[in-house]
Amino acid sequence: MLRVVGQVLVAFFDVSFLPPMEAWYSGLMPYPYLLPSQIVLIAVMAKICVDFTRERGYFYEPKRWLGGELLWFGGIYLAAMIARAVFLWDHPIPIVFHWVLAAFVLTVALSHRRRLSPSR
C-alpha cells in the first residue's frame, strides 16, 4: 500500500523528497490502468487479511485451488521476479514490491494447503 501511496504522491502531487516516477514503476502498463488495478489488488488483499484475522470468510475457508494452483502461481511468480532482479535490476522498487506480493500469495496458499492436509 505504501508503494501505491508513494506513486500517487509523485505522480499527482510532484513530491520531491521521494524517488522520481520512473523509479516507482517499470512502465509496462500505462499508469492510468496500473493505479486502479493496484487499488483493486489492495482491496482484495485487505479482504483476505480481514478473513484470516476473523478466521472465517471466503478467503479463509480451506479451498483446494488456493492450496494447489495458487501455490504454483506464487512460486512461479516469485521465481520470475527473482530472475528479473538477477538479470534486469532496472526498477528495484517494483521488483521488491512483487517479492512482497509473491510472499503474500505463497503465505495464503500454504495456509490453505496446511489446513487441507489429511494429517491434521
PDB file of N, CA and C in Angstrom:
ATOM      1  N   MET A   1       0.816  -1.180   0.000  1.00  0.00           N
ATOM      2  CA  MET A   1       0.000   0.000   0.000  1.00  0.00           C
ATOM      3  C   MET A   1       0.872   1.261   0.000  1.00  0.00           C
ATOM      4  N   LEU A   2       1.987   1.194   0.729  1.00  0.00           N
ATOM      5  CA  LEU A   2       2.872   2.359   0.772  1.00  0.00           C
ATOM      6  C   LEU A   2       3.463   2.682  -0.596  1.00  0.00           C
ATOM      7  N   ARG A   3       3.743   1.647  -1.374  1.00  0.00           N
ATOM      8  CA  ARG A   3       4.267   1.883  -2.722  1.00  0.00           C
ATOM      9  C   ARG A   3       3.251   2.638  -3.557  1.00  0.00           C
ATOM     10  N   VAL A   4       2.006   2.240  -3.482  1.00  0.00           N
ATOM     11  CA  VAL A   4       0.956   2.888  -4.263  1.00  0.00           C
ATOM     12  C   VAL A   4       0.784   4.334  -3.803  1.00  0.00           C
ATOM     13  N   VAL A   5       0.799   4.565  -2.504  1.00  0.00           N
ATOM     14  CA  VAL A   5       0.702   5.928  -1.980  1.00  0.00           C
ATOM     15  C   VAL A   5       1.896   6.761  -2.454  1.00  0.00           C
ATOM     16  N   GLY A   6       3.084   6.171  -2.422  1.00  0.00           N
ATOM     17  CA  GLY A   6       4.274   6.869  -2.912  1.00  0.00           C
ATOM     18  C   GLY A   6       4.148   7.251  -4.368  1.00  0.00           C
ATOM     19  N   GLN A   7       3.657   6.314  -5.171  1.00  0.00           N
ATOM     20  CA  GLN A   7       3.453   6.598  -6.600  1.00  0.00           C
ATOM     21  C   GLN A   7       2.477   7.743  -6.793  1.00  0.00           C
ATOM     22  N   VAL A   8       1.374   7.711  -6.064  1.00  0.00           N
ATOM     23  CA  VAL A   8       0.356   8.752  -6.192  1.00  0.00           C
ATOM     24  C   VAL A   8       0.936  10.112  -5.805  1.00  0.00           C
ATOM     25  N   LEU A   9       1.701  10.140  -4.714  1.00  0.00           N
ATOM     26  CA  LEU A   9       2.300  11.406  -4.284  1.00  0.00           C
ATOM     27  C   LEU A   9       3.231  11.979  -5.348  1.00  0.00           C
ATOM     28  N   VAL A  10       4.015  11.106  -5.970  1.00  0.00           N
ATOM     29  CA  VAL A  10       4.944  11.566  -7.006  1.00  0.00           C
ATOM     30  C   VAL A  10       4.202  11.933  -8.289  1.00  0.00           C
ATOM     31  N   ALA A  11       3.256  11.097  -8.697  1.00  0.00           N
ATOM     32  CA  ALA A  11       2.565  11.305  -9.973  1.00  0.00           C
ATOM     33  C   ALA A  11       1.641  12.521  -9.962  1.00  0.00           C
ATOM     34  N   PHE A  12       0.916  12.721  -8.865  1.00  0.00           N
ATOM     35  CA  PHE A  12      -0.110  13.760  -8.862  1.00  0.00           C
ATOM     36  C   PHE A  12       0.238  14.999  -8.043  1.00  0.00           C
ATOM     37  N   PHE A  13       1.151  14.849  -7.097  1.00  0.00           N
ATOM     38  CA  PHE A  13       1.466  15.978  -6.216  1.00  0.00           C
ATOM     39  C   PHE A  13       2.910  16.438  -6.335  1.00  0.00           C
ATOM     40  N   ASP A  14       3.644  15.843  -7.269  1.00  0.00           N
ATOM     41  CA  ASP A  14       5.021  16.246  -7.567  1.00  0.00           C
ATOM     42  C   ASP A  14       5.884  16.365  -6.308  1.00  0.00           C
ATOM     43  N   VAL A  15       5.765  15.373  -5.419  1.00  0.00           N
ATOM     44  CA  VAL A  15       6.544  15.355  -4.175  1.00  0.00           C
ATOM     45  C   VAL A  15       8.008  15.131  -4.532  1.00  0.00           C
ATOM     46  N   SER A  16       8.867  15.998  -4.051  1.00  0.00           N
ATOM     47  CA  SER A  16      10.268  15.941  -4.459  1.00  0.00           C
ATOM     48  C   SER A  16      11.157  15.096  -3.548  1.00  0.00           C
ATOM     49  N   PHE A  17      10.703  14.784  -2.336  1.00  0.00           N
ATOM     50  CA  PHE A  17      11.552  14.011  -1.420  1.00  0.00           C
ATOM     51  C   PHE A  17      11.487  12.510  -1.684  1.00  0.00           C
ATOM     52  N   LEU A  18      10.620  12.076  -2.587  1.00  0.00           N
ATOM     53  CA  LEU A  18      10.531  10.666  -2.979  1.00  0.00           C
ATOM     54  C   LEU A  18      11.226  10.477  -4.327  1.00  0.00           C
ATOM     55  N   PRO A  19      11.603   9.236  -4.655  1.00  0.00           N
ATOM     56  CA  PRO A  19      12.225   8.982  -5.961  1.00  0.00           C
ATOM     57  C   PRO A  19      11.290   9.399  -7.102  1.00  0.00           C
ATOM     58  N   PRO A  20      11.853   9.696  -8.279  1.00  0.00           N
ATOM     59  CA  PRO A  20      11.014  10.105  -9.414  1.00  0.00           C
ATOM     60  C   PRO A  20      10.108   8.964  -9.883  1.00  0.00           C
ATOM     61  N   MET A  21       9.102   9.310 -10.666  1.00  0.00           N
ATOM     62  CA  MET A  21       8.105   8.332 -11.125  1.00  0.00           C
ATOM     63  C   MET A  21       8.736   7.145 -11.828  1.00  0.00           C
ATOM     64  N   GLU A  22       9.802   7.356 -12.582  1.00  0.00           N
ATOM     65  CA  GLU A  22      10.457   6.264 -13.309  1.00  0.00           C
ATOM     66  C   GLU A  22      10.941   5.166 -12.365  1.00  0.00           C
ATOM     67  N   ALA A  23      11.247   5.517 -11.118  1.00  0.00           N
ATOM     68  CA  ALA A  23      11.729   4.529 -10.149  1.00  0.00           C
ATOM     69  C   ALA A  23      10.591   3.699  -9.556  1.00  0.00           C
ATOM     70  N   TRP A  24       9.365   4.201  -9.620  1.00  0.00           N
ATOM     71  CA  TRP A  24       8.241   3.544  -8.963  1.00  0.00           C
ATOM     72  C   TRP A  24       7.600   2.452  -9.803  1.00  0.00           C
ATOM     73  N   TYR A  25       7.700   2.587 -11.101  1.00  0.00           N
ATOM     74  CA  TYR A  25       7.088   1.542 -11.931  1.00  0.00           C
ATOM     75  C   TYR A  25       7.832   1.410 -13.236  1.00  0.00           C
ATOM     76  N   SER A  26       7.727   0.223 -13.815  1.00  0.00           N
ATOM     77  CA  SER A  26       8.529  -0.111 -14.996  1.00  0.00           C
ATOM     78  C   SER A  26       7.958   0.442 -16.288  1.00  0.00           C
ATOM     79  N   GLY A  27       6.712   0.867 -16.287  1.00  0.00           N
ATOM     80  CA  GLY A  27       6.108   1.395 -17.499  1.00  0.00           C
ATOM     81  C   GLY A  27       5.506   0.328 -18.392  1.00  0.00           C
ATOM     82  N   LEU A  28       5.471  -0.920 -17.922  1.00  0.00           N
ATOM     83  CA  LEU A  28       4.900  -1.992 -18.744  1.00  0.00           C
ATOM     84  C   LEU A  28       3.395  -1.803 -18.936  1.00  0.00           C
ATOM     85  N   MET A  29       2.736  -1.214 -17.950  1.00  0.00           N
ATOM     86  CA  MET A  29       1.312  -0.929 -18.040  1.00  0.00           C
ATOM     87  C   MET A  29       1.144   0.579 -17.850  1.00  0.00           C
ATOM     88  N   PRO A  30       0.386   1.240 -18.717  1.00  0.00           N
ATOM     89  CA  PRO A  30       0.192   2.679 -18.536  1.00  0.00           C
ATOM     90  C   PRO A  30      -0.393   2.987 -17.154  1.00  0.00           C
ATOM     91  N   TYR A  31       0.102   4.043 -16.548  1.00  0.00           N
ATOM     92  CA  TYR A  31      -0.285   4.367 -15.171  1.00  0.00           C
ATOM     93  C   TYR A  31      -1.792   4.537 -14.980  1.00  0.00           C
ATOM     94  N   PRO A  32      -2.534   5.100 -15.956  1.00  0.00           N
ATOM     95  CA  PRO A  32      -3.990   5.194 -15.758  1.00  0.00           C
ATOM     96  C   PRO A  32      -4.673   3.829 -15.591  1.00  0.00           C
ATOM     97  N   TYR A  33      -4.048   2.760 -16.062  1.00  0.00           N
ATOM     98  CA  TYR A  33      -4.584   1.412 -15.853  1.00  0.00           C
ATOM     99  C   TYR A  33      -3.952   0.750 -14.634  1.00  0.00           C
ATOM    100  N   LEU A  34      -2.705   1.069 -14.389  1.00  0.00           N
ATOM    101  CA  LEU A  34      -1.986   0.464 -13.272  1.00  0.00           C
ATOM    102  C   LEU A  34      -2.579   0.859 -11.929  1.00  0.00           C
ATOM    103  N   LEU A  35      -2.838   2.137 -11.724  1.00  0.00           N
ATOM    104  CA  LEU A  35      -3.328   2.610 -10.431  1.00  0.00           C
ATOM    105  C   LEU A  35      -4.648   1.955 -10.030  1.00  0.00           C
ATOM    106  N   PRO A  36      -5.666   1.910 -10.895  1.00  0.00           N
ATOM    107  CA  PRO A  36      -6.903   1.227 -10.491  1.00  0.00           C
ATOM    108  C   PRO A  36      -6.687  -0.261 -10.189  1.00  0.00           C
ATOM    109  N   SER A  37      -5.815  -0.912 -10.957  1.00  0.00           N
ATOM    110  CA  SER A  37      -5.563  -2.337 -10.697  1.00  0.00           C
ATOM    111  C   SER A  37      -4.862  -2.515  -9.350  1.00  0.00           C
ATOM    112  N   GLN A  38      -3.984  -1.578  -8.994  1.00  0.00           N
ATOM    113  CA  GLN A  38      -3.322  -1.652  -7.692  1.00  0.00           C
ATOM    114  C   GLN A  38      -4.332  -1.439  -6.559  1.00  0.00           C
ATOM    115  N   ILE A  39      -5.271  -0.535  -6.759  1.00  0.00           N
ATOM    116  CA  ILE A  39      -6.292  -0.279  -5.737  1.00  0.00           C
ATOM    117  C   ILE A  39      -7.166  -1.514  -5.552  1.00  0.00           C
ATOM    118  N   VAL A  40      -7.553  -2.153  -6.643  1.00  0.00           N
ATOM    119  CA  VAL A  40      -8.346  -3.394  -6.549  1.00  0.00           C
ATOM    120  C   VAL A  40      -7.541  -4.471  -5.823  1.00  0.00           C
ATOM    121  N   LEU A  41      -6.268  -4.596  -6.159  1.00  0.00           N
ATOM    122  CA  LEU A  41      -5.405  -5.589  -5.521  1.00  0.00           C
ATOM    123  C   LEU A  41      -5.296  -5.334  -4.015  1.00  0.00           C
ATOM    124  N   ILE A  42      -5.135  -4.089  -3.630  1.00  0.00           N
ATOM    125  CA  ILE A  42      -5.067  -3.752  -2.206  1.00  0.00           C
ATOM    126  C   ILE A  42      -6.379  -4.098  -1.511  1.00  0.00           C
ATOM    127  N   ALA A  43      -7.508  -3.831  -2.167  1.00  0.00           N
ATOM    128  CA  ALA A  43      -8.811  -4.160  -1.581  1.00  0.00           C
ATOM    129  C   ALA A  43      -8.964  -5.670  -1.388  1.00  0.00           C
ATOM    130  N   VAL A  44      -8.559  -6.451  -2.381  1.00  0.00           N
ATOM    131  CA  VAL A  44      -8.642  -7.924  -2.268  1.00  0.00           C
ATOM    132  C   VAL A  44      -7.719  -8.418  -1.158  1.00  0.00           C
ATOM    133  N   MET A  45      -6.507  -7.881  -1.097  1.00  0.00           N
ATOM    134  CA  MET A  45      -5.576  -8.293  -0.048  1.00  0.00           C
ATOM    135  C   MET A  45      -6.108  -7.907   1.335  1.00  0.00           C
ATOM    136  N   ALA A  46      -6.745  -6.753   1.441  1.00  0.00           N
ATOM    137  CA  ALA A  46      -7.342  -6.340   2.714  1.00  0.00           C
ATOM    138  C   ALA A  46      -8.454  -7.300   3.116  1.00  0.00           C
ATOM    139  N   LYS A  47      -9.281  -7.705   2.161  1.00  0.00           N
ATOM    140  CA  LYS A  47     -10.360  -8.672   2.444  1.00  0.00           C
ATOM    141  C   LYS A  47      -9.769 -10.005   2.899  1.00  0.00           C
ATOM    142  N   ILE A  48      -8.703 -10.446   2.244  1.00  0.00           N
ATOM    143  CA  ILE A  48      -8.042 -11.692   2.653  1.00  0.00           C
ATOM    144  C   ILE A  48      -7.542 -11.567   4.084  1.00  0.00           C
ATOM    145  N   CYS A  49      -6.910 -10.446   4.397  1.00  0.00           N
ATOM    146  CA  CYS A  49      -6.388 -10.237   5.756  1.00  0.00           C
ATOM    147  C   CYS A  49      -7.513 -10.198   6.789  1.00  0.00           C
ATOM    148  N   VAL A  50      -8.617  -9.544   6.452  1.00  0.00           N
ATOM    149  CA  VAL A  50      -9.767  -9.498   7.377  1.00  0.00           C
ATOM    150  C   VAL A  50     -10.307 -10.903   7.596  1.00  0.00           C
ATOM    151  N   ASP A  51     -10.454 -11.681   6.510  1.00  0.00           N
ATOM    152  CA  ASP A  51     -10.949 -13.057   6.651  1.00  0.00           C
ATOM    153  C   ASP A  51     -10.034 -13.888   7.539  1.00  0.00           C
ATOM    154  N   PHE A  52      -8.739 -13.763   7.356  1.00  0.00           N
ATOM    155  CA  PHE A  52      -7.796 -14.535   8.170  1.00  0.00           C
ATOM    156  C   PHE A  52      -7.800 -14.065   9.619  1.00  0.00           C
ATOM    157  N   THR A  53      -7.945 -12.772   9.826  1.00  0.00           N
ATOM    158  CA  THR A  53      -7.993 -12.248  11.192  1.00  0.00           C
ATOM    159  C   THR A  53      -9.233 -12.752  11.912  1.00  0.00           C
ATOM    160  N   ARG A  54     -10.352 -12.786  11.220  1.00  0.00           N
ATOM    161  CA  ARG A  54     -11.612 -13.255  11.814  1.00  0.00           C
ATOM    162  C   ARG A  54     -11.723 -14.780  11.818  1.00  0.00           C
ATOM    163  N   GLU A  55     -10.822 -15.438  11.082  1.00  0.00           N
ATOM    164  CA  GLU A  55     -10.839 -16.893  10.918  1.00  0.00           C
ATOM    165  C   GLU A  55     -12.168 -17.394  10.359  1.00  0.00           C
ATOM    166  N   ARG A  56     -12.693 -16.625   9.421  1.00  0.00           N
ATOM    167  CA  ARG A  56     -13.894 -17.031   8.684  1.00  0.00           C
ATOM    168  C   ARG A  56     -14.001 -16.156   7.452  1.00  0.00           C
ATOM    169  N   GLY A  57     -14.791 -16.613   6.503  1.00  0.00           N
ATOM    170  CA  GLY A  57     -14.971 -15.868   5.259  1.00  0.00           C
ATOM    171  C   GLY A  57     -14.448 -16.651   4.073  1.00  0.00           C
ATOM    172  N   TYR A  58     -14.755 -16.151   2.890  1.00  0.00           N
ATOM    173  CA  TYR A  58     -14.425 -16.847   1.659  1.00  0.00           C
ATOM    174  C   TYR A  58     -12.943 -17.193   1.556  1.00  0.00           C
ATOM    175  N   PHE A  59     -12.082 -16.239   1.841  1.00  0.00           N
ATOM    176  CA  PHE A  59     -10.651 -16.471   1.650  1.00  0.00           C
ATOM    177  C   PHE A  59     -10.013 -17.266   2.780  1.00  0.00           C
ATOM    178  N   TYR A  60     -10.701 -17.410   3.892  1.00  0.00           N
ATOM    179  CA  TYR A  60     -10.144 -18.189   4.996  1.00  0.00           C
ATOM    180  C   TYR A  60     -10.538 -19.660   4.905  1.00  0.00           C
ATOM    181  N   GLU A  61     -11.771 -19.938   4.495  1.00  0.00           N
ATOM    182  CA  GLU A  61     -12.228 -21.320   4.417  1.00  0.00           C
ATOM    183  C   GLU A  61     -11.318 -22.086   3.461  1.00  0.00           C
ATOM    184  N   PRO A  62     -10.791 -23.248   3.898  1.00  0.00           N
ATOM    185  CA  PRO A  62      -9.842 -24.003   3.066  1.00  0.00           C
ATOM    186  C   PRO A  62     -10.427 -24.367   1.701  1.00  0.00           C
ATOM    187  N   LYS A  63      -9.657 -24.068   0.680  1.00  0.00           N
ATOM    188  CA  LYS A  63     -10.050 -24.390  -0.687  1.00  0.00           C
ATOM    189  C   LYS A  63      -8.876 -25.047  -1.388  1.00  0.00           C
ATOM    190  N   ARG A  64      -9.166 -26.142  -2.075  1.00  0.00           N
ATOM    191  CA  ARG A  64      -8.115 -26.897  -2.735  1.00  0.00           C
ATOM    192  C   ARG A  64      -7.365 -26.058  -3.778  1.00  0.00           C
ATOM    193  N   TRP A  65      -8.085 -25.255  -4.554  1.00  0.00           N
ATOM    194  CA  TRP A  65      -7.413 -24.456  -5.592  1.00  0.00           C
ATOM    195  C   TRP A  65      -6.500 -23.404  -4.979  1.00  0.00           C
ATOM    196  N   LEU A  66      -6.853 -22.896  -3.804  1.00  0.00           N
ATOM    197  CA  LEU A  66      -5.976 -21.924  -3.143  1.00  0.00           C
ATOM    198  C   LEU A  66      -4.742 -22.608  -2.564  1.00  0.00           C
ATOM    199  N   GLY A  67      -4.863 -23.864  -2.215  1.00  0.00           N
ATOM    200  CA  GLY A  67      -3.720 -24.599  -1.691  1.00  0.00           C
ATOM    201  C   GLY A  67      -2.893 -25.271  -2.769  1.00  0.00           C
ATOM    202  N   GLY A  68      -3.401 -25.350  -3.971  1.00  0.00           N
ATOM    203  CA  GLY A  68      -2.697 -26.023  -5.068  1.00  0.00           C
ATOM    204  C   GLY A  68      -2.240 -25.065  -6.148  1.00  0.00           C
ATOM    205  N   GLU A  69      -3.188 -24.657  -6.981  1.00  0.00           N
ATOM    206  CA  GLU A  69      -2.860 -23.791  -8.113  1.00  0.00           C
ATOM    207  C   GLU A  69      -2.247 -22.464  -7.672  1.00  0.00           C
ATOM    208  N   LEU A  70      -2.774 -21.902  -6.581  1.00  0.00           N
ATOM    209  CA  LEU A  70      -2.233 -20.635  -6.105  1.00  0.00           C
ATOM    210  C   LEU A  70      -0.804 -20.796  -5.593  1.00  0.00           C
ATOM    211  N   LEU A  71      -0.501 -21.959  -5.034  1.00  0.00           N
ATOM    212  CA  LEU A  71       0.861 -22.226  -4.583  1.00  0.00           C
ATOM    213  C   LEU A  71       1.812 -22.282  -5.789  1.00  0.00           C
ATOM    214  N   TRP A  72       1.400 -22.937  -6.850  1.00  0.00           N
ATOM    215  CA  TRP A  72       2.210 -22.974  -8.071  1.00  0.00           C
ATOM    216  C   TRP A  72       2.385 -21.572  -8.644  1.00  0.00           C
ATOM    217  N   PHE A  73       1.293 -20.838  -8.736  1.00  0.00           N
ATOM    218  CA  PHE A  73       1.356 -19.485  -9.271  1.00  0.00           C
ATOM    219  C   PHE A  73       2.315 -18.615  -8.451  1.00  0.00           C
ATOM    220  N   GLY A  74       2.181 -18.666  -7.134  1.00  0.00           N
ATOM    221  CA  GLY A  74       3.041 -17.871  -6.266  1.00  0.00           C
ATOM    222  C   GLY A  74       4.508 -18.239  -6.411  1.00  0.00           C
ATOM    223  N   GLY A  75       4.802 -19.522  -6.544  1.00  0.00           N
ATOM    224  CA  GLY A  75       6.183 -19.966  -6.717  1.00  0.00           C
ATOM    225  C   GLY A  75       6.775 -19.511  -8.039  1.00  0.00           C
ATOM    226  N   ILE A  76       5.998 -19.640  -9.111  1.00  0.00           N
ATOM    227  CA  ILE A  76       6.471 -19.196 -10.430  1.00  0.00           C
ATOM    228  C   ILE A  76       6.629 -17.681 -10.452  1.00  0.00           C
ATOM    229  N   TYR A  77       5.681 -16.996  -9.866  1.00  0.00           N
ATOM    230  CA  TYR A  77       5.721 -15.533  -9.795  1.00  0.00           C
ATOM    231  C   TYR A  77       6.970 -15.065  -9.037  1.00  0.00           C
ATOM    232  N   LEU A  78       7.241 -15.670  -7.888  1.00  0.00           N
ATOM    233  CA  LEU A  78       8.426 -15.304  -7.108  1.00  0.00           C
ATOM    234  C   LEU A  78       9.705 -15.617  -7.885  1.00  0.00           C
ATOM    235  N   ALA A  79       9.761 -16.790  -8.500  1.00  0.00           N
ATOM    236  CA  ALA A  79      10.947 -17.158  -9.289  1.00  0.00           C
ATOM    237  C   ALA A  79      11.176 -16.176 -10.437  1.00  0.00           C
ATOM    238  N   ALA A  80      10.102 -15.769 -11.105  1.00  0.00           N
ATOM    239  CA  ALA A  80      10.231 -14.817 -12.213  1.00  0.00           C
ATOM    240  C   ALA A  80      10.734 -13.466 -11.717  1.00  0.00           C
ATOM    241  N   MET A  81      10.274 -13.036 -10.560  1.00  0.00           N
ATOM    242  CA  MET A  81      10.710 -11.740 -10.029  1.00  0.00           C
ATOM    243  C   MET A  81      12.147 -11.797  -9.500  1.00  0.00           C
ATOM    244  N   ILE A  82      12.548 -12.950  -8.990  1.00  0.00           N
ATOM    245  CA  ILE A  82      13.951 -13.112  -8.583  1.00  0.00           C
ATOM    246  C   ILE A  82      14.837 -13.094  -9.824  1.00  0.00           C
ATOM    247  N   ALA A  83      14.408 -13.803 -10.874  1.00  0.00           N
ATOM    248  CA  ALA A  83      15.172 -13.803 -12.132  1.00  0.00           C
ATOM    249  C   ALA A  83      15.251 -12.401 -12.712  1.00  0.00           C
ATOM    250  N   ARG A  84      14.164 -11.666 -12.639  1.00  0.00           N
ATOM    251  CA  ARG A  84      14.181 -10.284 -13.126  1.00  0.00           C
ATOM    252  C   ARG A  84      15.199  -9.459 -12.351  1.00  0.00           C
ATOM    253  N   ALA A  85      15.250  -9.662 -11.044  1.00  0.00           N
ATOM    254  CA  ALA A  85      16.206  -8.913 -10.223  1.00  0.00           C
ATOM    255  C   ALA A  85      17.640  -9.278 -10.573  1.00  0.00           C
ATOM    256  N   VAL A  86      17.885 -10.565 -10.830  1.00  0.00           N
ATOM    257  CA  VAL A  86      19.242 -11.023 -11.135  1.00  0.00           C
ATOM    258  C   VAL A  86      19.696 -10.500 -12.498  1.00  0.00           C
ATOM    259  N   PHE A  87      18.802 -10.561 -13.478  1.00  0.00           N
ATOM    260  CA  PHE A  87      19.193 -10.232 -14.844  1.00  0.00           C
ATOM    261  C   PHE A  87      18.836  -8.813 -15.279  1.00  0.00           C
ATOM    262  N   LEU A  88      17.954  -8.167 -14.570  1.00  0.00           N
ATOM    263  CA  LEU A  88      17.493  -6.854 -15.007  1.00  0.00           C
ATOM    264  C   LEU A  88      17.057  -6.025 -13.806  1.00  0.00           C
ATOM    265  N   TRP A  89      18.011  -5.523 -13.053  1.00  0.00           N
ATOM    266  CA  TRP A  89      17.722  -4.736 -11.859  1.00  0.00           C
ATOM    267  C   TRP A  89      17.443  -3.294 -12.285  1.00  0.00           C
ATOM    268  N   ASP A  90      16.452  -3.130 -13.177  1.00  0.00           N
ATOM    269  CA  ASP A  90      16.175  -1.821 -13.757  1.00  0.00           C
ATOM    270  C   ASP A  90      15.286  -0.937 -12.890  1.00  0.00           C
ATOM    271  N   HIS A  91      14.348  -1.525 -12.201  1.00  0.00           N
ATOM    272  CA  HIS A  91      13.416  -0.781 -11.362  1.00  0.00           C
ATOM    273  C   HIS A  91      13.265  -1.513 -10.024  1.00  0.00           C
ATOM    274  N   PRO A  92      14.157  -1.264  -9.062  1.00  0.00           N
ATOM    275  CA  PRO A  92      14.143  -2.037  -7.815  1.00  0.00           C
ATOM    276  C   PRO A  92      12.882  -1.888  -6.972  1.00  0.00           C
ATOM    277  N   ILE A  93      12.239  -0.730  -6.974  1.00  0.00           N
ATOM    278  CA  ILE A  93      11.046  -0.567  -6.129  1.00  0.00           C
ATOM    279  C   ILE A  93       9.942  -1.540  -6.547  1.00  0.00           C
ATOM    280  N   PRO A  94       9.550  -1.606  -7.832  1.00  0.00           N
ATOM    281  CA  PRO A  94       8.511  -2.576  -8.177  1.00  0.00           C
ATOM    282  C   PRO A  94       8.965  -4.027  -8.024  1.00  0.00           C
ATOM    283  N   ILE A  95      10.241  -4.303  -8.238  1.00  0.00           N
ATOM    284  CA  ILE A  95      10.719  -5.681  -8.076  1.00  0.00           C
ATOM    285  C   ILE A  95      10.541  -6.134  -6.633  1.00  0.00           C
ATOM    286  N   VAL A  96      10.947  -5.308  -5.699  1.00  0.00           N
ATOM    287  CA  VAL A  96      10.802  -5.656  -4.281  1.00  0.00           C
ATOM    288  C   VAL A  96       9.319  -5.759  -3.916  1.00  0.00           C
ATOM    289  N   PHE A  97       8.501  -4.863  -4.461  1.00  0.00           N
ATOM    290  CA  PHE A  97       7.061  -4.947  -4.226  1.00  0.00           C
ATOM    291  C   PHE A  97       6.516  -6.290  -4.704  1.00  0.00           C
ATOM    292  N   HIS A  98       6.971  -6.748  -5.862  1.00  0.00           N
ATOM    293  CA  HIS A  98       6.494  -8.031  -6.375  1.00  0.00           C
ATOM    294  C   HIS A  98       6.964  -9.195  -5.504  1.00  0.00           C
ATOM    295  N   TRP A  99       8.135  -9.081  -4.894  1.00  0.00           N
ATOM    296  CA  TRP A  99       8.569 -10.115  -3.941  1.00  0.00           C
ATOM    297  C   TRP A  99       7.594 -10.179  -2.761  1.00  0.00           C
ATOM    298  N   VAL A 100       7.217  -9.021  -2.246  1.00  0.00           N
ATOM    299  CA  VAL A 100       6.275  -8.968  -1.120  1.00  0.00           C
ATOM    300  C   VAL A 100       4.932  -9.545  -1.540  1.00  0.00           C
ATOM    301  N   LEU A 101       4.466  -9.185  -2.721  1.00  0.00           N
ATOM    302  CA  LEU A 101       3.195  -9.705  -3.215  1.00  0.00           C
ATOM    303  C   LEU A 101       3.257 -11.219  -3.405  1.00  0.00           C
ATOM    304  N   ALA A 102       4.350 -11.729  -3.955  1.00  0.00           N
ATOM    305  CA  ALA A 102       4.518 -13.173  -4.121  1.00  0.00           C
ATOM    306  C   ALA A 102       4.556 -13.876  -2.772  1.00  0.00           C
ATOM    307  N   ALA A 103       5.209 -13.270  -1.792  1.00  0.00           N
ATOM    308  CA  ALA A 103       5.255 -13.857  -0.448  1.00  0.00           C
ATOM    309  C   ALA A 103       3.853 -13.912   0.158  1.00  0.00           C
ATOM    310  N   PHE A 104       3.059 -12.890  -0.076  1.00  0.00           N
ATOM    311  CA  PHE A 104       1.671 -12.873   0.398  1.00  0.00           C
ATOM    312  C   PHE A 104       0.883 -14.022  -0.230  1.00  0.00           C
ATOM    313  N   VAL A 105       1.005 -14.160  -1.551  1.00  0.00           N
ATOM    314  CA  VAL A 105       0.303 -15.238  -2.266  1.00  0.00           C
ATOM    315  C   VAL A 105       0.736 -16.598  -1.736  1.00  0.00           C
ATOM    316  N   LEU A 106       2.031 -16.792  -1.557  1.00  0.00           N
ATOM    317  CA  LEU A 106       2.544 -18.070  -1.058  1.00  0.00           C
ATOM    318  C   LEU A 106       2.078 -18.342   0.371  1.00  0.00           C
ATOM    319  N   THR A 107       2.030 -17.325   1.190  1.00  0.00           N
ATOM    320  CA  THR A 107       1.574 -17.497   2.574  1.00  0.00           C
ATOM    321  C   THR A 107       0.119 -17.941   2.619  1.00  0.00           C
ATOM    322  N   VAL A 108      -0.720 -17.301   1.818  1.00  0.00           N
ATOM    323  CA  VAL A 108      -2.136 -17.683   1.770  1.00  0.00           C
ATOM    324  C   VAL A 108      -2.266 -19.115   1.241  1.00  0.00           C
ATOM    325  N   ALA A 109      -1.550 -19.428   0.176  1.00  0.00           N
ATOM    326  CA  ALA A 109      -1.618 -20.766  -0.413  1.00  0.00           C
ATOM    327  C   ALA A 109      -1.145 -21.829   0.570  1.00  0.00           C
ATOM    328  N   LEU A 110      -0.037 -21.579   1.250  1.00  0.00           N
ATOM    329  CA  LEU A 110       0.473 -22.555   2.223  1.00  0.00           C
ATOM    330  C   LEU A 110      -0.474 -22.736   3.401  1.00  0.00           C
ATOM    331  N   SER A 111      -1.145 -21.678   3.801  1.00  0.00           N
ATOM    332  CA  SER A 111      -2.134 -21.809   4.873  1.00  0.00           C
ATOM    333  C   SER A 111      -3.275 -22.722   4.438  1.00  0.00           C
ATOM    334  N   HIS A 112      -3.743 -22.540   3.222  1.00  0.00           N
ATOM    335  CA  HIS A 112      -4.819 -23.414   2.719  1.00  0.00           C
ATOM    336  C   HIS A 112      -4.336 -24.853   2.595  1.00  0.00           C
ATOM    337  N   ARG A 113      -3.138 -25.036   2.082  1.00  0.00           N
ATOM    338  CA  ARG A 113      -2.609 -26.391   1.934  1.00  0.00           C
ATOM    339  C   ARG A 113      -2.487 -27.075   3.300  1.00  0.00           C
ATOM    340  N   ARG A 114      -1.962 -26.352   4.282  1.00  0.00           N
ATOM    341  CA  ARG A 114      -1.778 -26.923   5.624  1.00  0.00           C
ATOM    342  C   ARG A 114      -3.121 -27.306   6.236  1.00  0.00           C
ATOM    343  N   ARG A 115      -4.105 -26.458   6.073  1.00  0.00           N
ATOM    344  CA  ARG A 115      -5.412 -26.739   6.674  1.00  0.00           C
ATOM    345  C   ARG A 115      -6.195 -27.794   5.910  1.00  0.00           C
ATOM    346  N   LEU A 116      -5.802 -28.089   4.665  1.00  0.00           N
ATOM    347  CA  LEU A 116      -6.441 -29.144   3.884  1.00  0.00           C
ATOM    348  C   LEU A 116      -5.754 -30.491   4.089  1.00  0.00           C
ATOM    349  N   SER A 117      -4.595 -30.478   4.717  1.00  0.00           N
ATOM    350  CA  SER A 117      -3.808 -31.697   4.897  1.00  0.00           C
ATOM    351  C   SER A 117      -4.592 -32.742   5.684  1.00  0.00           C
ATOM    352  N   PRO A 118      -4.606 -34.008   5.207  1.00  0.00           N
ATOM    353  CA  PRO A 118      -5.351 -35.070   5.911  1.00  0.00           C
ATOM    354  C   PRO A 118      -4.712 -35.448   7.257  1.00  0.00           C
ATOM    355  N   SER A 119      -3.450 -35.109   7.457  1.00  0.00           N
ATOM    356  CA  SER A 119      -2.787 -35.481   8.719  1.00  0.00           C
ATOM    357  C   SER A 119      -3.200 -34.554   9.864  1.00  0.00           C
ATOM    358  N   ARG A 120      -3.918 -33.544   9.543  1.00  0.00           N
ATOM    359  CA  ARG A 120      -4.327 -32.574  10.560  1.00  0.00           C
ATOM    360  C   ARG A 120      -5.606 -32.960  11.212  1.00  0.00           C
TER     361      ARG A 120
END
